[in-house]
Amino acid sequence: MAAKFKIKKGDNVKIIAGDDKGKTGVVKSVLPKKGQVVVEGCKLAKKATKPSEKNPNGGFISKEMPMDISNVAKVEE
């Protein structure tokens, strides 16, 4: 069974550890089985993409990667 977390999708959070320490953002998704969250604009990685209908030239895109839920703290409005 997956653990329950106090952080939910749409919450404002502050990054308290890692390369993006000090940044704030909105939670895009929560992955409870892995204990991770995806925060908008944080932990960006360059991903290579093949040409497709959506992106005919292919190339590189910046994608938000999941980070451990212990590295974020909920910000009170």
N, C-alpha and C. Protein backbone atom coordinates (compact mmCIF):
# COMPACT_ATOMS: atom_id res chain seq x y z
N MET A 1 0.84 -1.19 0.00
CA MET A 1 0.00 0.00 0.00
C MET A 1 0.88 1.25 0.00
N ALA A 2 0.50 2.23 -0.78
CA ALA A 2 1.27 3.47 -0.89
C ALA A 2 1.05 4.34 0.35
N ALA A 3 2.08 5.08 0.71
CA ALA A 3 2.00 5.96 1.87
C ALA A 3 1.13 7.18 1.56
N LYS A 4 0.58 7.80 2.62
CA LYS A 4 -0.21 9.02 2.46
C LYS A 4 0.70 10.22 2.69
N PHE A 5 0.52 11.26 1.88
CA PHE A 5 1.34 12.45 1.99
C PHE A 5 0.46 13.67 2.18
N LYS A 6 1.01 14.69 2.82
CA LYS A 6 0.27 15.93 3.04
C LYS A 6 0.34 16.84 1.82
N ILE A 7 1.27 16.56 0.91
CA ILE A 7 1.43 17.37 -0.29
C ILE A 7 0.57 16.77 -1.40
N LYS A 8 -0.25 17.64 -2.02
CA LYS A 8 -1.14 17.17 -3.08
C LYS A 8 -0.92 18.00 -4.35
N LYS A 9 -1.48 17.52 -5.44
CA LYS A 9 -1.39 18.23 -6.73
C LYS A 9 -1.99 19.62 -6.58
N GLY A 10 -1.27 20.64 -7.08
CA GLY A 10 -1.75 22.01 -7.03
C GLY A 10 -1.25 22.80 -5.83
N ASP A 11 -0.59 22.15 -4.87
CA ASP A 11 -0.05 22.84 -3.70
C ASP A 11 1.18 23.66 -4.07
N ASN A 12 1.39 24.79 -3.38
CA ASN A 12 2.62 25.56 -3.52
C ASN A 12 3.65 24.95 -2.59
N VAL A 13 4.83 24.65 -3.12
CA VAL A 13 5.90 24.05 -2.32
C VAL A 13 7.21 24.79 -2.53
N LYS A 14 8.11 24.64 -1.57
CA LYS A 14 9.45 25.21 -1.65
C LYS A 14 10.44 24.05 -1.66
N ILE A 15 11.44 24.12 -2.54
CA ILE A 15 12.47 23.08 -2.61
C ILE A 15 13.46 23.35 -1.46
N ILE A 16 13.68 22.34 -0.60
CA ILE A 16 14.55 22.53 0.56
C ILE A 16 15.86 21.77 0.43
N ALA A 17 16.05 21.01 -0.67
CA ALA A 17 17.30 20.29 -0.87
C ALA A 17 17.52 20.05 -2.36
N GLY A 18 18.78 19.93 -2.76
CA GLY A 18 19.10 19.65 -4.15
C GLY A 18 19.55 20.87 -4.92
N ASP A 19 19.69 20.72 -6.24
CA ASP A 19 20.18 21.79 -7.11
C ASP A 19 19.26 23.00 -7.15
N ASP A 20 17.94 22.78 -7.01
CA ASP A 20 16.97 23.86 -7.10
C ASP A 20 16.57 24.39 -5.72
N LYS A 21 17.42 24.21 -4.73
CA LYS A 21 17.13 24.63 -3.36
C LYS A 21 16.76 26.12 -3.31
N GLY A 22 15.66 26.43 -2.61
CA GLY A 22 15.22 27.81 -2.49
C GLY A 22 14.12 28.20 -3.46
N LYS A 23 13.95 27.47 -4.56
CA LYS A 23 12.91 27.78 -5.53
C LYS A 23 11.55 27.37 -5.00
N THR A 24 10.52 28.04 -5.48
CA THR A 24 9.15 27.64 -5.15
C THR A 24 8.41 27.32 -6.44
N GLY A 25 7.41 26.47 -6.34
CA GLY A 25 6.64 26.09 -7.51
C GLY A 25 5.38 25.36 -7.13
N VAL A 26 4.60 25.00 -8.13
CA VAL A 26 3.34 24.29 -7.94
C VAL A 26 3.55 22.82 -8.26
N VAL A 27 2.97 21.94 -7.45
CA VAL A 27 3.08 20.50 -7.68
C VAL A 27 2.22 20.13 -8.89
N LYS A 28 2.85 19.52 -9.91
CA LYS A 28 2.12 19.09 -11.11
C LYS A 28 1.53 17.71 -10.91
N SER A 29 2.29 16.81 -10.23
CA SER A 29 1.78 15.47 -9.96
C SER A 29 2.51 14.86 -8.78
N VAL A 30 1.84 13.89 -8.14
CA VAL A 30 2.40 13.17 -7.00
C VAL A 30 2.47 11.70 -7.38
N LEU A 31 3.61 11.07 -7.13
CA LEU A 31 3.80 9.64 -7.41
C LEU A 31 3.92 8.91 -6.06
N PRO A 32 2.79 8.51 -5.45
CA PRO A 32 2.84 7.97 -4.09
C PRO A 32 3.58 6.64 -3.97
N LYS A 33 3.55 5.80 -5.00
CA LYS A 33 4.25 4.50 -4.91
C LYS A 33 5.76 4.68 -4.84
N LYS A 34 6.28 5.73 -5.50
CA LYS A 34 7.72 6.01 -5.48
C LYS A 34 8.09 7.03 -4.42
N GLY A 35 7.10 7.73 -3.86
CA GLY A 35 7.37 8.77 -2.87
C GLY A 35 8.01 9.99 -3.51
N GLN A 36 7.53 10.36 -4.70
CA GLN A 36 8.11 11.47 -5.44
C GLN A 36 7.03 12.46 -5.89
N VAL A 37 7.47 13.68 -6.20
CA VAL A 37 6.59 14.72 -6.73
C VAL A 37 7.26 15.37 -7.93
N VAL A 38 6.44 15.92 -8.84
CA VAL A 38 6.95 16.69 -9.97
C VAL A 38 6.52 18.14 -9.72
N VAL A 39 7.52 19.05 -9.64
CA VAL A 39 7.25 20.46 -9.37
C VAL A 39 7.50 21.26 -10.65
N GLU A 40 6.56 22.15 -10.96
CA GLU A 40 6.62 22.97 -12.17
C GLU A 40 7.87 23.86 -12.17
N GLY A 41 8.69 23.74 -13.20
CA GLY A 41 9.87 24.59 -13.37
C GLY A 41 11.09 24.18 -12.58
N CYS A 42 11.05 23.04 -11.91
CA CYS A 42 12.19 22.60 -11.09
C CYS A 42 12.69 21.23 -11.57
N LYS A 43 13.97 20.99 -11.34
CA LYS A 43 14.65 19.75 -11.75
C LYS A 43 14.43 19.45 -13.23
N LEU A 44 14.82 20.41 -14.06
CA LEU A 44 14.67 20.27 -15.51
C LEU A 44 15.79 19.41 -16.07
N ALA A 45 15.44 18.55 -17.04
CA ALA A 45 16.42 17.72 -17.72
C ALA A 45 16.21 17.87 -19.22
N LYS A 46 17.30 17.85 -19.98
CA LYS A 46 17.20 17.91 -21.44
C LYS A 46 16.96 16.50 -21.95
N LYS A 47 15.89 16.32 -22.71
CA LYS A 47 15.55 15.02 -23.27
C LYS A 47 15.60 15.10 -24.79
N ALA A 48 16.24 14.13 -25.42
CA ALA A 48 16.28 14.06 -26.88
C ALA A 48 14.96 13.48 -27.37
N THR A 49 14.40 14.08 -28.43
CA THR A 49 13.15 13.58 -28.99
C THR A 49 13.31 13.29 -30.47
N LYS A 50 12.67 12.22 -30.92
CA LYS A 50 12.68 11.88 -32.33
C LYS A 50 11.68 12.78 -33.06
N PRO A 51 11.88 12.99 -34.35
CA PRO A 51 10.90 13.76 -35.11
C PRO A 51 9.52 13.07 -35.08
N SER A 52 8.47 13.87 -34.91
CA SER A 52 7.11 13.34 -34.89
C SER A 52 6.18 14.39 -35.51
N GLU A 53 4.89 14.08 -35.57
CA GLU A 53 3.93 15.05 -36.10
C GLU A 53 3.90 16.31 -35.26
N LYS A 54 3.96 16.13 -33.95
CA LYS A 54 3.90 17.27 -33.03
C LYS A 54 5.17 18.11 -33.12
N ASN A 55 6.32 17.46 -33.25
CA ASN A 55 7.62 18.14 -33.31
C ASN A 55 8.37 17.61 -34.54
N PRO A 56 8.13 18.19 -35.72
CA PRO A 56 8.68 17.61 -36.96
C PRO A 56 10.20 17.59 -37.04
N ASN A 57 10.89 18.47 -36.32
CA ASN A 57 12.35 18.50 -36.40
C ASN A 57 13.03 17.63 -35.34
N GLY A 58 12.28 17.22 -34.31
CA GLY A 58 12.92 16.49 -33.21
C GLY A 58 13.74 17.45 -32.38
N GLY A 59 14.84 16.98 -31.83
CA GLY A 59 15.73 17.84 -31.06
C GLY A 59 15.62 17.60 -29.57
N PHE A 60 15.89 18.64 -28.78
CA PHE A 60 15.92 18.53 -27.34
C PHE A 60 14.78 19.33 -26.72
N ILE A 61 14.17 18.76 -25.68
CA ILE A 61 13.15 19.48 -24.92
C ILE A 61 13.53 19.45 -23.44
N SER A 62 13.12 20.46 -22.70
CA SER A 62 13.34 20.48 -21.26
C SER A 62 12.12 19.86 -20.58
N LYS A 63 12.38 18.89 -19.70
CA LYS A 63 11.29 18.16 -19.06
C LYS A 63 11.50 18.18 -17.56
N GLU A 64 10.41 18.36 -16.80
CA GLU A 64 10.49 18.31 -15.35
C GLU A 64 10.57 16.85 -14.91
N MET A 65 11.51 16.56 -14.04
CA MET A 65 11.72 15.20 -13.55
C MET A 65 11.22 15.09 -12.11
N PRO A 66 10.81 13.88 -11.70
CA PRO A 66 10.34 13.71 -10.32
C PRO A 66 11.48 13.86 -9.31
N MET A 67 11.14 14.39 -8.13
CA MET A 67 12.11 14.49 -7.04
C MET A 67 11.48 13.90 -5.79
N ASP A 68 12.31 13.50 -4.84
CA ASP A 68 11.82 12.88 -3.62
C ASP A 68 10.95 13.86 -2.84
N ILE A 69 9.89 13.35 -2.27
CA ILE A 69 8.94 14.20 -1.55
C ILE A 69 9.56 14.82 -0.29
N SER A 70 10.64 14.21 0.21
CA SER A 70 11.31 14.76 1.40
C SER A 70 12.11 16.02 1.07
N ASN A 71 12.31 16.32 -0.20
CA ASN A 71 13.06 17.50 -0.62
C ASN A 71 12.19 18.73 -0.82
N VAL A 72 10.89 18.61 -0.56
CA VAL A 72 9.98 19.74 -0.70
C VAL A 72 9.23 19.98 0.59
N ALA A 73 8.86 21.26 0.83
CA ALA A 73 8.06 21.63 1.99
C ALA A 73 6.90 22.49 1.52
N LYS A 74 5.73 22.23 2.08
CA LYS A 74 4.53 22.96 1.70
C LYS A 74 4.65 24.41 2.18
N VAL A 75 4.27 25.37 1.30
CA VAL A 75 4.32 26.79 1.63
C VAL A 75 2.89 27.22 1.96
N GLU A 76 2.72 27.84 3.12
CA GLU A 76 1.39 28.34 3.51
C GLU A 76 1.13 29.68 2.83
N GLU A 77 -0.05 29.85 2.27
CA GLU A 77 -0.39 31.10 1.59
C GLU A 77 -0.70 32.18 2.60
